[in-house]
Amino acid sequence: MPGAGPVPPPPPPAANFGDVPPGVHPLPPPIAPSLGMSDNMAGLVLEMSAALNSGHMRALEPRTLRSTTPTPFETFVAQSFVPAYQQQVAA
């Protein structure tokens, strides 16, 4: 039955937010507000990313074919997010 069985996790990214030392904000000050978030919100997103990367926070249910998108995050960012962001900045 499609979508019923677990699927292997995606390959690890080349780098993750866990690679950023604590206290270092990887988003330059003009970037976080231009994404519509405060520096505090950006920090919370980074904290959540670090918790996910370290295993401190995890999904409650396993990945399945039904709950897994065929599009890797990096592909979405390159093909959808970056062009939309660049268009927004140019406007």
C-alpha atoms as a PDB file:
ATOM      1  CA  MET A   1       0.000   0.000   0.000  1.00  0.00           C
ATOM      2  CA  PRO A   2       1.617   3.311  -1.045  1.00  0.00           C
ATOM      3  CA  GLY A   3       2.452   5.638   1.811  1.00  0.00           C
ATOM      4  CA  ALA A   4       2.198   3.009   4.517  1.00  0.00           C
ATOM      5  CA  GLY A   5       5.827   2.090   5.059  1.00  0.00           C
ATOM      6  CA  PRO A   6       8.657   4.141   6.497  1.00  0.00           C
ATOM      7  CA  VAL A   7      11.096   5.733   4.083  1.00  0.00           C
ATOM      8  CA  PRO A   8      14.763   6.395   4.727  1.00  0.00           C
ATOM      9  CA  PRO A   9      15.647   9.905   5.866  1.00  0.00           C
ATOM     10  CA  PRO A  10      16.962  12.287   3.221  1.00  0.00           C
ATOM     11  CA  PRO A  11      20.721  12.650   2.861  1.00  0.00           C
ATOM     12  CA  PRO A  12      22.279  15.119   5.297  1.00  0.00           C
ATOM     13  CA  PRO A  13      22.754  18.680   4.041  1.00  0.00           C
ATOM     14  CA  ALA A  14      26.243  19.928   3.248  1.00  0.00           C
ATOM     15  CA  ALA A  15      25.993  22.169   6.331  1.00  0.00           C
ATOM     16  CA  ASN A  16      23.411  22.758   8.998  1.00  0.00           C
ATOM     17  CA  PHE A  17      22.562  25.399  11.552  1.00  0.00           C
ATOM     18  CA  GLY A  18      24.216  23.220  14.190  1.00  0.00           C
ATOM     19  CA  ASP A  19      27.532  24.116  12.538  1.00  0.00           C
ATOM     20  CA  VAL A  20      27.101  27.731  13.621  1.00  0.00           C
ATOM     21  CA  PRO A  21      28.695  28.377  17.040  1.00  0.00           C
ATOM     22  CA  PRO A  22      26.243  29.402  19.784  1.00  0.00           C
ATOM     23  CA  GLY A  23      25.711  33.140  19.935  1.00  0.00           C
ATOM     24  CA  VAL A  24      26.677  33.700  16.289  1.00  0.00           C
ATOM     25  CA  HIS A  25      23.782  35.025  14.232  1.00  0.00           C
ATOM     26  CA  PRO A  26      24.285  33.766  10.638  1.00  0.00           C
ATOM     27  CA  LEU A  27      21.717  36.201   9.247  1.00  0.00           C
ATOM     28  CA  PRO A  28      23.136  39.700   8.881  1.00  0.00           C
ATOM     29  CA  PRO A  29      20.901  42.319  10.557  1.00  0.00           C
ATOM     30  CA  PRO A  30      19.294  43.554   7.328  1.00  0.00           C
ATOM     31  CA  ILE A  31      18.342  40.008   6.271  1.00  0.00           C
ATOM     32  CA  ALA A  32      16.108  38.918   9.178  1.00  0.00           C
ATOM     33  CA  PRO A  33      13.773  41.955   8.934  1.00  0.00           C
ATOM     34  CA  SER A  34      13.641  41.674   5.139  1.00  0.00           C
ATOM     35  CA  LEU A  35      12.334  38.124   5.617  1.00  0.00           C
ATOM     36  CA  GLY A  36       9.582  39.539   7.806  1.00  0.00           C
ATOM     37  CA  MET A  37      10.994  38.439  11.141  1.00  0.00           C
ATOM     38  CA  SER A  38      12.564  40.145  14.098  1.00  0.00           C
ATOM     39  CA  ASP A  39      16.066  39.296  15.267  1.00  0.00           C
ATOM     40  CA  ASN A  40      14.419  37.498  18.202  1.00  0.00           C
ATOM     41  CA  MET A  41      12.297  35.351  15.851  1.00  0.00           C
ATOM     42  CA  ALA A  42      15.334  34.569  13.684  1.00  0.00           C
ATOM     43  CA  GLY A  43      17.171  33.469  16.828  1.00  0.00           C
ATOM     44  CA  LEU A  44      14.290  31.197  17.802  1.00  0.00           C
ATOM     45  CA  VAL A  45      14.244  29.614  14.328  1.00  0.00           C
ATOM     46  CA  LEU A  46      17.985  28.973  14.607  1.00  0.00           C
ATOM     47  CA  GLU A  47      17.529  27.525  18.099  1.00  0.00           C
ATOM     48  CA  MET A  48      14.851  25.162  16.780  1.00  0.00           C
ATOM     49  CA  SER A  49      17.103  24.149  13.875  1.00  0.00           C
ATOM     50  CA  ALA A  50      19.929  23.359  16.286  1.00  0.00           C
ATOM     51  CA  ALA A  51      17.549  21.255  18.419  1.00  0.00           C
ATOM     52  CA  LEU A  52      16.424  19.320  15.333  1.00  0.00           C
ATOM     53  CA  ASN A  53      20.000  18.809  14.142  1.00  0.00           C
ATOM     54  CA  SER A  54      21.197  17.605  17.571  1.00  0.00           C
ATOM     55  CA  GLY A  55      18.289  15.200  18.031  1.00  0.00           C
ATOM     56  CA  HIS A  56      17.014  17.098  21.091  1.00  0.00           C
ATOM     57  CA  MET A  57      13.787  17.723  19.175  1.00  0.00           C
ATOM     58  CA  ARG A  58      12.376  15.083  16.856  1.00  0.00           C
ATOM     59  CA  ALA A  59       9.263  14.177  14.926  1.00  0.00           C
ATOM     60  CA  LEU A  60       6.670  12.174  16.844  1.00  0.00           C
ATOM     61  CA  GLU A  61       5.843   9.997  13.840  1.00  0.00           C
ATOM     62  CA  PRO A  62       8.206   8.297  11.384  1.00  0.00           C
ATOM     63  CA  ARG A  63       8.533   9.543   7.819  1.00  0.00           C
ATOM     64  CA  THR A  64       6.368   7.660   5.347  1.00  0.00           C
ATOM     65  CA  LEU A  65       5.887   7.846   1.604  1.00  0.00           C
ATOM     66  CA  ARG A  66       2.589   9.613   2.280  1.00  0.00           C
ATOM     67  CA  SER A  67       4.126  12.281   4.548  1.00  0.00           C
ATOM     68  CA  THR A  68       7.325  12.863   2.558  1.00  0.00           C
ATOM     69  CA  THR A  69       7.585  15.368  -0.243  1.00  0.00           C
ATOM     70  CA  PRO A  70       9.563  14.295  -3.306  1.00  0.00           C
ATOM     71  CA  THR A  71      11.248  17.714  -3.393  1.00  0.00           C
ATOM     72  CA  PRO A  72      14.412  18.098  -1.269  1.00  0.00           C
ATOM     73  CA  PHE A  73      14.575  21.304   0.757  1.00  0.00           C
ATOM     74  CA  GLU A  74      17.647  22.486  -1.173  1.00  0.00           C
ATOM     75  CA  THR A  75      15.762  22.092  -4.469  1.00  0.00           C
ATOM     76  CA  PHE A  76      12.795  24.079  -3.126  1.00  0.00           C
ATOM     77  CA  VAL A  77      15.113  26.856  -1.938  1.00  0.00           C
ATOM     78  CA  ALA A  78      17.023  27.038  -5.234  1.00  0.00           C
ATOM     79  CA  GLN A  79      14.025  26.769  -7.563  1.00  0.00           C
ATOM     80  CA  SER A  80      11.258  28.542  -5.621  1.00  0.00           C
ATOM     81  CA  PHE A  81      12.403  30.512  -2.584  1.00  0.00           C
ATOM     82  CA  VAL A  82      15.503  32.267  -3.977  1.00  0.00           C
ATOM     83  CA  PRO A  83      13.798  33.518  -7.173  1.00  0.00           C
ATOM     84  CA  ALA A  84      10.789  34.770  -5.151  1.00  0.00           C
ATOM     85  CA  TYR A  85      13.099  36.444  -2.623  1.00  0.00           C
ATOM     86  CA  GLN A  86      15.178  38.095  -5.358  1.00  0.00           C
ATOM     87  CA  GLN A  87      12.013  39.333  -7.063  1.00  0.00           C
ATOM     88  CA  GLN A  88      10.759  40.776  -3.757  1.00  0.00           C
ATOM     89  CA  VAL A  89      14.089  42.523  -3.104  1.00  0.00           C
ATOM     90  CA  ALA A  90      14.168  43.974  -6.634  1.00  0.00           C
ATOM     91  CA  ALA A  91      10.636  45.399  -6.289  1.00  0.00           C
END
